[in-house]
Amino acid sequence: MKNVKFMSASEAVAMIDDEAVVGLVGGGGGLVEASKLHEAVEQRFLESGHPNSLTCIHSLGIGDRQRRGMNRFAHLGMTRRVIGGHWIWSPRMQQMARDNEIEAYVLPGGVIMQLMREVAAGRPGLITHVGLGTFVDPRLDGGRLNEAAKEDLTELIKIDGKEYLRYLPIPVSVALLRGSYADEDGNISLEEEPANLDIYAMAAAAHNSGGKVIFQVKGKVPRNTFKAREVRVPGALVDAVVVDASQRQGYNLIYDPGLSGESYRGNLEKQKFSQSPRLVIARRAQKELVIGSVINFGFGIPDQVAKLISHEGSSGKYFQTIEHGTYGGQLMDGDLFGYAMNPTCMIDGPSQFDFYSGGGLDIAFLGFGELDRNGNVNVSKLAGNTVGPGGFIDIAQNARTVVFCGTFDTGGTVCEIGEGKLSIKSPGRITKLINDVAQITFSGAQALAHGQKVIYVTERAVFELTELGVELIEIAPGVDVKNDILSCMDFVPIIGTDIALMETNFFREYKAL
């Protein structure tokens, strides 16, 4: 029997050597984040200068946009390299990337999860089509986000005449993870967590790399407390356990069994909506749904579509999923994106991405920051900031239908919505429909090659990707094509003779069906 030691957080993080590769798991809002361990690592560095020159790898965004999560590792000298799927929760690390104080890499979130599984298995990295034609393709940026990042983490290969990307293996020195409870033998349960994410894959990657696996849990329970199926990480993989009795489900969530799927919460509060361009976009996007569809919702405006479905009581008509491994339930938004109230199923994140990358999604609703004349979309590098795609690339590249949801422009747009029409009073300062996106997070060419249906929905116009380019197919009632659309974008779309009007109902007060 492996001797699992229960110890303080400071004792546990003393196991981290300089130049270690640190595997981290979590999501925005504190989802399964080992916050106490992160804080202890930061405190040790600030007091002693160790550990330093770390490489941090994480699949999804971790932090609170202020101090926690990846922000704990954002100190000069502490971290040398970050390989992250999503960066928006850590402005301090974003700034270090801009200043070339770290080597900044971004890889697809699902790829990182699956790569950890490959590392655990001792295989030569992850070979996949995911990322072809995007900024992680070595023919473009290879996932490098700044000048300091010089090493190649991906390579282009061919198998049976087809192109694939090989993401090189990254051995993990130590994994900082969170569970709900640990028994005396170090077996870890996740019953109070709102998602499994890639906890097991990261633990196995660290263990099989010869590294250390450190868990933070809410409490310690006697041996033989857990039923076998309740153990999600066996003690054989665990080197140290830190008990944090104050552990929460999220930064501002003490404990809700409805979020962890342990019990069903009825009589949920109805969603509230106010008329806005975001609501118009969500209502139009919702029209693309087909009963029985398997759906994924991205962060931002797309989660408004999920709110509409919940409000209308039609959740049972579809199979709703999020990349964290969750099916069903009422999806949360904002800082709690990744949580679901009353989920019907929770699987591990790498397995969810297996399903996505193999084409299991019927439709995905995703945001866009920039759209160009070739149908390419950028969400990963905006205004010079390293944002990262999270699961965006894995999802967008493989869903049968992709509906991009975003405002037409941004930066002070003034418009009026009501009486069945849209009136543009003043356009935004920042044009989002441009000739060439700053970074290709979604490749229009790849989408056409694989026969995807791609729709771009804004509050004043709807576009579709065709073999000839981006075509204008609908306009909002009340807008002028020349003054409100064409003059506010950098390229001229294909304009057919049968442009339709968006439904006038979208521009009236919303009432549930």
Protein backbone atom coordinates (compact mmCIF):
# COMPACT_ATOMS: atom_id res chain seq x y z
CA MET A 1 0.00 0.00 0.00
CA LYS A 2 1.35 3.41 -1.01
CA ASN A 3 2.08 5.63 1.95
CA VAL A 4 -0.10 8.65 1.31
CA LYS A 5 0.74 11.49 3.62
CA PHE A 6 -1.69 14.06 4.94
CA MET A 7 0.12 17.32 5.48
CA SER A 8 -0.18 21.10 5.49
CA ALA A 9 -0.31 23.08 2.28
CA SER A 10 3.14 24.56 2.94
CA GLU A 11 4.62 21.08 3.45
CA ALA A 12 2.99 19.83 0.25
CA VAL A 13 4.18 22.63 -2.03
CA ALA A 14 7.72 22.24 -0.65
CA MET A 15 7.77 19.16 -2.89
CA ILE A 16 7.79 21.39 -5.99
CA ASP A 17 11.27 21.84 -7.42
CA ASP A 18 12.61 24.76 -9.42
CA GLU A 19 11.94 24.37 -13.16
CA ALA A 20 9.10 21.93 -12.49
CA VAL A 21 6.27 21.39 -14.97
CA VAL A 22 3.14 22.06 -12.93
CA GLY A 23 -0.17 20.61 -14.10
CA LEU A 24 -3.21 22.60 -13.02
CA VAL A 25 -6.93 21.88 -13.35
CA GLY A 26 -9.86 24.22 -12.93
CA GLY A 27 -12.38 26.50 -14.53
CA GLY A 28 -13.56 30.06 -14.10
CA GLY A 29 -15.32 30.96 -10.90
CA GLY A 30 -13.19 28.59 -8.83
CA LEU A 31 -14.53 25.39 -10.42
CA VAL A 32 -12.52 22.45 -8.96
CA GLU A 33 -9.64 24.84 -8.33
CA ALA A 34 -7.05 23.87 -5.72
CA SER A 35 -7.04 27.43 -4.39
CA LYS A 36 -5.28 26.71 -1.10
CA LEU A 37 -2.42 24.96 -2.89
CA HIS A 38 -2.07 27.80 -5.39
CA GLU A 39 -1.89 30.30 -2.54
CA ALA A 40 0.72 28.21 -0.73
CA VAL A 41 2.94 28.02 -3.83
CA GLU A 42 2.75 31.79 -4.24
CA GLN A 43 3.52 32.41 -0.58
CA ARG A 44 6.54 30.10 -0.70
CA PHE A 45 7.91 31.89 -3.76
CA LEU A 46 7.41 35.36 -2.30
CA GLU A 47 9.14 34.33 0.91
CA SER A 48 11.99 32.23 -0.50
CA GLY A 49 12.22 32.72 -4.26
CA HIS A 50 11.31 29.06 -4.77
CA PRO A 51 9.98 27.33 -6.74
CA ASN A 52 11.09 29.36 -9.73
CA SER A 53 11.26 29.02 -13.51
CA LEU A 54 8.07 26.94 -13.53
CA THR A 55 6.20 25.70 -16.58
CA CYS A 56 2.43 25.75 -15.99
CA ILE A 57 0.03 23.80 -18.14
CA HIS A 58 -3.76 24.02 -17.90
CA SER A 59 -6.61 23.27 -20.29
CA LEU A 60 -9.27 25.84 -19.28
CA GLY A 61 -9.22 29.27 -17.70
CA ILE A 62 -8.29 29.40 -14.00
CA GLY A 63 -8.74 32.51 -11.88
CA ASP A 64 -10.99 35.36 -10.80
CA ARG A 65 -9.59 38.16 -13.01
CA GLN A 66 -7.81 39.54 -9.93
CA ARG A 67 -5.73 37.48 -7.48
CA ARG A 68 -6.63 33.83 -7.57
CA GLY A 69 -5.96 30.94 -9.93
CA MET A 70 -3.21 31.54 -12.47
CA ASN A 71 -2.73 35.04 -11.06
CA ARG A 72 -0.96 33.34 -8.13
CA PHE A 73 1.78 32.20 -10.51
CA ALA A 74 2.16 35.57 -12.27
CA HIS A 75 5.36 36.77 -10.63
CA LEU A 76 8.56 37.62 -12.44
CA GLY A 77 10.95 34.70 -12.05
CA MET A 78 8.35 32.35 -10.63
CA THR A 79 6.96 31.20 -13.96
CA ARG A 80 9.01 30.80 -17.13
CA ARG A 81 6.45 29.25 -19.48
CA VAL A 82 2.67 28.92 -19.62
CA ILE A 83 0.84 26.49 -21.90
CA GLY A 84 -2.77 27.41 -21.37
CA GLY A 85 -6.06 26.79 -23.07
CA HIS A 86 -7.69 30.00 -21.83
CA TRP A 87 -6.17 33.09 -20.24
CA ILE A 88 -8.94 35.63 -19.69
CA TRP A 89 -9.27 34.85 -15.97
CA SER A 90 -5.67 35.91 -15.33
CA PRO A 91 -4.95 39.51 -16.38
CA ARG A 92 -1.63 39.44 -14.53
CA MET A 93 -0.42 36.51 -16.62
CA GLN A 94 -1.77 38.17 -19.76
CA GLN A 95 0.34 41.23 -18.98
CA MET A 96 3.43 39.09 -18.48
CA ALA A 97 2.78 37.52 -21.88
CA ARG A 98 2.46 40.95 -23.50
CA ASP A 99 5.70 42.07 -21.89
CA ASN A 100 7.52 38.88 -22.97
CA GLU A 101 8.29 38.06 -19.34
CA ILE A 102 7.11 34.50 -19.92
CA GLU A 103 7.00 32.15 -22.87
CA ALA A 104 3.30 32.19 -23.75
CA TYR A 105 1.68 29.29 -25.59
CA VAL A 106 -1.95 28.59 -26.26
CA LEU A 107 -3.28 25.19 -27.31
CA PRO A 108 -6.89 24.02 -27.64
CA GLY A 109 -8.39 23.10 -24.26
CA GLY A 110 -9.54 19.67 -25.36
CA VAL A 111 -6.16 18.97 -26.92
CA ILE A 112 -4.43 19.71 -23.60
CA MET A 113 -6.80 17.39 -21.73
CA GLN A 114 -6.28 14.59 -24.22
CA LEU A 115 -2.53 15.25 -24.39
CA MET A 116 -2.30 14.62 -20.64
CA ARG A 117 -3.98 11.27 -21.20
CA GLU A 118 -1.42 10.46 -23.89
CA VAL A 119 1.41 11.46 -21.55
CA ALA A 120 -0.02 9.15 -18.91
CA ALA A 121 -0.10 6.32 -21.46
CA GLY A 122 3.48 6.92 -22.56
CA ARG A 123 2.46 7.57 -26.14
CA PRO A 124 4.31 9.97 -28.46
CA GLY A 125 2.01 12.93 -27.96
CA LEU A 126 -1.48 13.56 -29.34
CA ILE A 127 -2.15 13.02 -33.04
CA THR A 128 -5.33 14.72 -34.17
CA HIS A 129 -6.91 16.85 -36.88
CA VAL A 130 -7.98 19.40 -34.27
CA GLY A 131 -6.23 22.71 -34.87
CA LEU A 132 -5.45 22.31 -38.57
CA GLY A 133 -5.70 25.65 -40.33
CA THR A 134 -5.81 27.60 -37.05
CA PHE A 135 -3.13 29.53 -35.18
CA VAL A 136 -1.88 26.33 -33.50
CA ASP A 137 -0.96 24.90 -36.91
CA PRO A 138 2.86 25.14 -37.22
CA ARG A 139 2.39 26.65 -40.70
CA LEU A 140 0.84 29.64 -38.90
CA ASP A 141 1.87 30.40 -35.29
CA GLY A 142 2.20 26.91 -33.83
CA GLY A 143 0.42 28.09 -30.68
CA ARG A 144 3.13 30.66 -29.89
CA LEU A 145 1.61 33.83 -28.50
CA ASN A 146 4.64 36.09 -28.05
CA GLU A 147 8.24 36.57 -29.16
CA ALA A 148 9.58 34.80 -26.06
CA ALA A 149 7.89 31.57 -27.15
CA LYS A 150 10.28 29.99 -29.64
CA GLU A 151 9.99 26.23 -29.17
CA ASP A 152 7.75 24.15 -31.43
CA LEU A 153 5.07 22.29 -29.49
CA THR A 154 3.29 21.01 -32.60
CA GLU A 155 4.30 19.45 -35.87
CA LEU A 156 2.50 18.64 -39.11
CA ILE A 157 2.45 14.98 -40.09
CA LYS A 158 0.70 12.84 -42.70
CA ILE A 159 -0.93 9.47 -42.15
CA ASP A 160 -2.45 7.65 -45.14
CA GLY A 161 -2.07 10.84 -47.14
CA LYS A 162 -4.07 12.96 -44.67
CA GLU A 163 -2.72 15.87 -42.65
CA TYR A 164 -2.71 15.75 -38.85
CA LEU A 165 -1.12 17.71 -36.06
CA ARG A 166 1.12 16.02 -33.53
CA TYR A 167 1.15 17.80 -30.20
CA LEU A 168 4.41 16.86 -28.53
CA PRO A 169 4.28 15.12 -25.13
CA ILE A 170 4.86 17.27 -22.05
CA PRO A 171 5.88 15.26 -18.96
CA VAL A 172 4.40 16.66 -15.73
CA SER A 173 6.55 17.10 -12.61
CA VAL A 174 3.73 17.83 -10.17
CA ALA A 175 -0.05 18.05 -10.37
CA LEU A 176 -1.97 20.38 -8.05
CA LEU A 177 -5.51 19.04 -7.95
CA ARG A 178 -8.74 19.18 -5.98
CA GLY A 179 -11.21 16.58 -4.84
CA SER A 180 -14.08 16.49 -2.37
CA TYR A 181 -12.87 13.95 0.21
CA ALA A 182 -9.92 11.62 0.72
CA ASP A 183 -9.88 8.44 2.77
CA GLU A 184 -6.94 7.25 4.85
CA ASP A 185 -5.40 5.53 1.82
CA GLY A 186 -5.57 8.65 -0.34
CA ASN A 187 -8.49 7.54 -2.48
CA ILE A 188 -10.16 10.68 -3.83
CA SER A 189 -13.86 11.32 -4.37
CA LEU A 190 -15.40 14.13 -6.41
CA GLU A 191 -19.02 13.91 -5.28
CA GLU A 192 -19.35 17.58 -4.28
CA GLU A 193 -17.63 18.95 -7.40
CA PRO A 194 -19.69 20.47 -10.23
CA ALA A 195 -17.47 18.82 -12.88
CA ASN A 196 -14.76 16.19 -13.30
CA LEU A 197 -12.72 18.08 -15.90
CA ASP A 198 -9.33 16.46 -16.53
CA ILE A 199 -8.50 15.64 -12.91
CA TYR A 200 -7.82 11.96 -13.48
CA ALA A 201 -5.85 12.51 -16.70
CA MET A 202 -3.62 15.11 -15.04
CA ALA A 203 -3.05 12.90 -11.99
CA ALA A 204 -2.11 9.94 -14.17
CA ALA A 205 0.16 12.10 -16.35
CA ALA A 206 2.10 13.36 -13.33
CA HIS A 207 2.34 9.96 -11.67
CA ASN A 208 3.48 8.17 -14.81
CA SER A 209 5.97 10.95 -15.57
CA GLY A 210 7.66 10.17 -12.26
CA GLY A 211 6.18 13.31 -10.71
CA LYS A 212 4.13 14.09 -7.63
CA VAL A 213 0.35 14.23 -7.30
CA ILE A 214 -0.92 16.60 -4.61
CA PHE A 215 -4.61 16.86 -3.79
CA GLN A 216 -6.56 19.43 -1.85
CA VAL A 217 -9.81 18.11 -0.33
CA LYS A 218 -12.54 19.33 1.98
CA GLY A 219 -12.19 16.51 4.47
CA LYS A 220 -10.61 13.21 5.45
CA VAL A 221 -12.78 10.11 5.96
CA PRO A 222 -12.01 6.65 7.36
CA ARG A 223 -10.74 3.79 5.23
CA ASN A 224 -13.51 1.85 3.41
CA THR A 225 -15.92 4.80 3.55
CA PHE A 226 -16.21 5.07 -0.23
CA LYS A 227 -17.98 2.66 -2.49
CA ALA A 228 -15.66 1.63 -5.30
CA ARG A 229 -17.50 3.69 -7.92
CA GLU A 230 -17.26 6.80 -5.76
CA VAL A 231 -13.46 6.87 -6.02
CA ARG A 232 -12.43 8.91 -9.07
CA VAL A 233 -8.67 8.96 -8.40
CA PRO A 234 -7.20 5.95 -6.58
CA GLY A 235 -4.72 6.43 -3.80
CA ALA A 236 -2.10 4.61 -5.85
CA LEU A 237 -1.65 7.83 -7.83
CA VAL A 238 -1.66 10.23 -4.87
CA ASP A 239 1.46 11.40 -3.01
CA ALA A 240 0.10 14.03 -0.66
CA VAL A 241 -3.28 15.28 0.57
CA VAL A 242 -4.03 18.68 2.09
CA VAL A 243 -7.31 19.13 3.96
CA ASP A 244 -8.99 22.52 3.60
CA ALA A 245 -12.19 22.47 5.64
CA SER A 246 -13.22 25.84 4.18
CA GLN A 247 -13.14 24.54 0.58
CA ARG A 248 -16.06 25.76 -1.52
CA GLN A 249 -17.63 24.65 -4.79
CA GLY A 250 -16.56 27.97 -6.23
CA TYR A 251 -15.20 31.27 -5.06
CA ASN A 252 -18.65 32.39 -3.95
CA LEU A 253 -20.40 29.03 -3.64
CA ILE A 254 -20.30 27.26 -0.28
CA TYR A 255 -22.13 24.09 -1.35
CA ASP A 256 -25.16 23.29 -3.48
CA PRO A 257 -25.95 19.60 -4.13
CA GLY A 258 -27.90 20.66 -7.22
CA LEU A 259 -24.68 21.81 -8.87
CA SER A 260 -22.83 18.59 -8.12
CA GLY A 261 -25.72 16.42 -9.29
CA GLU A 262 -26.15 14.81 -5.87
CA SER A 263 -29.79 15.87 -5.62
CA TYR A 264 -32.41 17.54 -7.78
CA ARG A 265 -33.40 21.12 -7.08
CA GLY A 266 -36.92 22.00 -8.16
CA ASN A 267 -38.67 25.34 -8.45
CA LEU A 268 -35.68 27.11 -9.94
CA GLU A 269 -35.93 30.84 -10.38
CA LYS A 270 -37.01 31.84 -13.87
CA GLN A 271 -34.41 33.48 -16.06
CA LYS A 272 -34.73 37.24 -16.54
CA PHE A 273 -34.30 38.96 -19.88
CA SER A 274 -34.10 42.57 -20.93
CA GLN A 275 -34.26 43.77 -24.51
CA SER A 276 -30.76 44.16 -25.91
CA PRO A 277 -28.70 43.27 -28.98
CA ARG A 278 -27.47 40.18 -27.09
CA LEU A 279 -31.04 38.95 -26.66
CA VAL A 280 -31.86 39.59 -30.32
CA ILE A 281 -28.82 37.54 -31.35
CA ALA A 282 -29.69 34.69 -29.00
CA ARG A 283 -33.31 34.55 -30.19
CA ARG A 284 -32.23 34.43 -33.83
CA ALA A 285 -29.57 31.81 -33.11
CA GLN A 286 -32.13 29.67 -31.31
CA LYS A 287 -34.05 29.30 -34.59
CA GLU A 288 -31.26 27.02 -35.85
CA LEU A 289 -32.12 24.35 -33.26
CA VAL A 290 -33.63 21.03 -34.27
CA ILE A 291 -35.40 18.89 -31.68
CA GLY A 292 -33.16 16.06 -30.51
CA SER A 293 -29.94 17.95 -31.28
CA VAL A 294 -26.78 17.44 -29.25
CA ILE A 295 -25.65 20.98 -28.40
CA ASN A 296 -22.66 22.79 -27.02
CA PHE A 297 -22.82 26.36 -25.76
CA GLY A 298 -19.82 28.64 -25.65
CA PHE A 299 -19.06 31.50 -23.28
CA GLY A 300 -20.77 34.89 -23.64
CA ILE A 301 -23.76 35.53 -25.90
CA PRO A 302 -24.19 31.81 -26.69
CA ASP A 303 -25.06 31.04 -23.07
CA GLN A 304 -28.08 33.32 -23.57
CA VAL A 305 -29.40 30.65 -25.95
CA ALA A 306 -29.14 28.14 -23.11
CA LYS A 307 -31.03 30.55 -20.85
CA LEU A 308 -33.81 30.86 -23.41
CA ILE A 309 -34.15 27.09 -23.65
CA SER A 310 -34.33 26.79 -19.87
CA HIS A 311 -36.83 29.65 -19.53
CA GLU A 312 -39.12 28.13 -22.11
CA GLY A 313 -39.03 24.76 -20.38
CA SER A 314 -37.69 23.01 -23.47
CA SER A 315 -34.46 21.62 -22.03
CA GLY A 316 -35.81 18.09 -22.41
CA LYS A 317 -36.05 18.52 -26.18
CA TYR A 318 -32.28 18.65 -26.61
CA PHE A 319 -29.07 17.13 -25.27
CA GLN A 320 -27.18 20.09 -23.85
CA THR A 321 -23.48 19.67 -23.15
CA ILE A 322 -20.51 21.73 -22.03
CA GLU A 323 -16.88 20.82 -22.51
CA HIS A 324 -16.30 20.38 -18.79
CA GLY A 325 -17.99 16.97 -19.15
CA THR A 326 -21.53 17.91 -18.14
CA TYR A 327 -24.81 16.99 -19.81
CA GLY A 328 -28.21 18.53 -19.22
CA GLY A 329 -29.45 20.79 -16.50
CA GLN A 330 -29.77 24.57 -16.40
CA LEU A 331 -26.46 25.96 -17.58
CA MET A 332 -24.97 28.79 -15.56
CA ASP A 333 -23.39 31.83 -17.17
CA GLY A 334 -20.90 34.59 -16.50
CA ASP A 335 -18.31 33.70 -13.86
CA LEU A 336 -20.12 30.40 -13.30
CA PHE A 337 -19.80 29.21 -16.89
CA GLY A 338 -19.01 25.49 -16.65
CA TYR A 339 -21.52 24.89 -13.85
CA ALA A 340 -24.97 23.40 -14.41
CA MET A 341 -27.89 23.13 -12.02
CA ASN A 342 -29.47 19.66 -12.04
CA PRO A 343 -27.10 18.02 -14.54
CA THR A 344 -28.12 14.62 -15.86
CA CYS A 345 -24.62 13.26 -16.47
CA MET A 346 -21.01 14.06 -15.67
CA ILE A 347 -18.13 12.45 -17.53
CA ASP A 348 -14.43 13.25 -17.61
CA GLY A 349 -13.36 16.18 -19.79
CA PRO A 350 -11.04 14.17 -22.10
CA SER A 351 -13.89 11.78 -22.87
CA GLN A 352 -16.19 14.69 -23.63
CA PHE A 353 -13.65 15.99 -26.11
CA ASP A 354 -13.36 12.53 -27.67
CA PHE A 355 -17.06 12.84 -28.41
CA TYR A 356 -16.67 16.37 -29.77
CA SER A 357 -13.62 15.78 -31.93
CA GLY A 358 -15.20 12.70 -33.48
CA GLY A 359 -18.18 14.70 -34.73
CA GLY A 360 -20.72 13.95 -32.00
CA LEU A 361 -22.10 17.48 -31.82
CA ASP A 362 -25.04 18.40 -34.03
CA ILE A 363 -24.76 22.11 -33.35
CA ALA A 364 -22.51 24.50 -31.44
CA PHE A 365 -23.32 28.06 -30.42
CA LEU A 366 -20.08 30.02 -30.09
CA GLY A 367 -19.03 33.65 -29.81
CA PHE A 368 -16.83 35.61 -32.18
CA GLY A 369 -14.50 38.55 -31.66
CA GLU A 370 -13.54 39.08 -35.31
CA LEU A 371 -14.90 37.70 -38.59
CA ASP A 372 -13.14 38.07 -41.93
CA ARG A 373 -13.91 37.79 -45.64
CA ASN A 374 -12.87 34.13 -45.71
CA GLY A 375 -15.19 33.16 -42.89
CA ASN A 376 -12.34 32.87 -40.38
CA VAL A 377 -13.13 33.73 -36.77
CA ASN A 378 -10.83 35.07 -34.06
CA VAL A 379 -11.65 34.72 -30.37
CA SER A 380 -8.17 33.95 -29.05
CA LYS A 381 -6.15 37.16 -29.43
CA LEU A 382 -8.07 40.42 -29.22
CA ALA A 383 -6.70 43.94 -28.84
CA GLY A 384 -3.25 42.46 -28.30
CA ASN A 385 -4.40 40.36 -25.34
CA THR A 386 -3.75 36.65 -25.05
CA VAL A 387 -7.24 35.23 -24.56
CA GLY A 388 -6.98 31.64 -25.74
CA PRO A 389 -9.71 29.47 -27.21
CA GLY A 390 -10.50 27.13 -24.31
CA GLY A 391 -12.49 24.34 -25.97
CA PHE A 392 -13.47 26.59 -28.89
CA ILE A 393 -11.24 25.02 -31.55
CA ASP A 394 -12.07 21.44 -30.57
CA ILE A 395 -15.79 22.25 -30.71
CA ALA A 396 -16.04 24.64 -33.67
CA GLN A 397 -13.95 22.47 -35.97
CA ASN A 398 -16.07 19.37 -35.45
CA ALA A 399 -19.72 20.32 -34.91
CA ARG A 400 -21.95 19.62 -37.90
CA THR A 401 -23.45 23.11 -37.63
CA VAL A 402 -21.74 26.11 -36.06
CA VAL A 403 -23.66 29.24 -35.15
CA PHE A 404 -21.38 32.14 -34.26
CA CYS A 405 -23.05 34.75 -32.09
CA GLY A 406 -21.70 38.27 -31.67
CA THR A 407 -22.54 41.93 -31.93
CA PHE A 408 -21.94 43.48 -35.36
CA ASP A 409 -19.46 46.01 -33.97
CA THR A 410 -18.41 47.21 -30.53
CA GLY A 411 -17.12 50.23 -28.65
CA GLY A 412 -20.00 52.59 -27.99
CA THR A 413 -22.64 51.28 -30.40
CA VAL A 414 -25.97 53.04 -29.83
CA CYS A 415 -29.14 51.41 -31.09
CA GLU A 416 -32.85 51.23 -30.32
CA ILE A 417 -34.85 48.01 -30.33
CA GLY A 418 -38.62 47.98 -30.28
CA GLU A 419 -41.84 47.87 -32.28
CA GLY A 420 -40.44 45.06 -34.38
CA LYS A 421 -37.38 46.83 -35.72
CA LEU A 422 -33.80 47.91 -35.05
CA SER A 423 -32.56 51.46 -35.39
CA ILE A 424 -28.81 52.18 -35.44
CA LYS A 425 -28.23 55.61 -33.90
CA SER A 426 -24.45 55.45 -33.81
CA PRO A 427 -22.06 52.67 -34.94
CA GLY A 428 -19.35 51.32 -32.67
CA ARG A 429 -15.76 52.52 -32.79
CA ILE A 430 -14.36 49.01 -33.33
CA THR A 431 -15.12 47.11 -36.52
CA LYS A 432 -15.44 43.35 -36.01
CA LEU A 433 -16.07 42.29 -39.62
CA ILE A 434 -12.66 42.86 -41.16
CA ASN A 435 -10.57 41.73 -44.13
CA ASP A 436 -8.26 39.43 -42.18
CA VAL A 437 -8.58 38.36 -38.55
CA ALA A 438 -5.64 38.94 -36.23
CA GLN A 439 -5.54 35.24 -35.40
CA ILE A 440 -7.38 32.29 -36.94
CA THR A 441 -9.21 30.42 -34.20
CA PHE A 442 -11.73 28.98 -36.66
CA SER A 443 -10.80 28.28 -40.26
CA GLY A 444 -13.43 28.95 -42.89
CA ALA A 445 -11.46 26.90 -45.43
CA GLN A 446 -11.38 23.89 -43.14
CA ALA A 447 -15.12 24.23 -42.52
CA LEU A 448 -15.88 24.25 -46.24
CA ALA A 449 -13.59 21.29 -46.85
CA HIS A 450 -15.46 19.24 -44.24
CA GLY A 451 -18.97 20.30 -45.24
CA GLN A 452 -19.89 22.18 -42.07
CA LYS A 453 -22.84 24.54 -42.02
CA VAL A 454 -21.64 27.86 -40.63
CA ILE A 455 -23.90 30.79 -39.68
CA TYR A 456 -22.80 34.16 -38.27
CA VAL A 457 -25.56 35.91 -36.31
CA THR A 458 -25.45 39.57 -35.30
CA GLU A 459 -28.20 41.92 -34.12
CA ARG A 460 -28.47 43.64 -37.50
CA ALA A 461 -27.49 40.98 -40.04
CA VAL A 462 -27.04 37.24 -40.50
CA PHE A 463 -24.34 35.75 -42.74
CA GLU A 464 -23.60 32.25 -44.01
CA LEU A 465 -20.33 30.71 -45.17
CA THR A 466 -20.49 29.53 -48.79
CA GLU A 467 -17.99 28.28 -51.34
CA LEU A 468 -17.91 31.80 -52.78
CA GLY A 469 -17.35 33.50 -49.44
CA VAL A 470 -19.39 35.08 -46.64
CA GLU A 471 -22.93 35.75 -47.84
CA LEU A 472 -25.41 38.21 -46.35
CA ILE A 473 -28.67 36.24 -45.96
CA GLU A 474 -30.79 38.27 -43.51
CA ILE A 475 -31.04 41.83 -42.26
CA ALA A 476 -32.86 43.29 -39.29
CA PRO A 477 -36.06 45.20 -40.05
CA GLY A 478 -35.36 48.92 -39.89
CA VAL A 479 -31.69 48.85 -40.91
CA ASP A 480 -30.24 50.18 -44.13
CA VAL A 481 -27.94 47.72 -45.90
CA LYS A 482 -25.57 50.39 -47.20
CA ASN A 483 -25.38 52.71 -44.19
CA ASP A 484 -25.84 50.30 -41.25
CA ILE A 485 -24.13 47.17 -42.58
CA LEU A 486 -21.79 47.59 -45.55
CA SER A 487 -20.31 50.89 -44.36
CA CYS A 488 -19.58 49.35 -40.96
CA MET A 489 -17.55 46.37 -42.22
CA ASP A 490 -14.24 46.20 -44.07
CA PHE A 491 -15.13 43.65 -46.72
CA VAL A 492 -18.04 43.36 -49.09
CA PRO A 493 -20.00 40.15 -48.53
CA ILE A 494 -21.77 38.22 -51.21
CA ILE A 495 -25.17 39.85 -51.61
CA GLY A 496 -27.89 37.75 -53.18
CA THR A 497 -31.19 38.88 -54.59
CA ASP A 498 -33.30 37.20 -51.91
CA ILE A 499 -32.05 38.69 -48.63
CA ALA A 500 -34.63 37.90 -45.97
CA LEU A 501 -35.77 40.00 -43.01
CA MET A 502 -35.05 38.71 -39.53
CA GLU A 503 -38.28 37.98 -37.67
CA THR A 504 -39.87 41.17 -36.36
CA ASN A 505 -40.72 39.30 -33.16
CA PHE A 506 -37.03 39.30 -32.21
CA PHE A 507 -37.26 43.07 -31.90
CA ARG A 508 -40.24 43.10 -29.58
CA GLU A 509 -40.46 42.42 -25.86
CA TYR A 510 -39.55 38.82 -25.17
CA LYS A 511 -42.30 36.54 -23.94
CA ALA A 512 -41.73 32.85 -23.29
CA LEU A 513 -43.54 30.46 -25.57
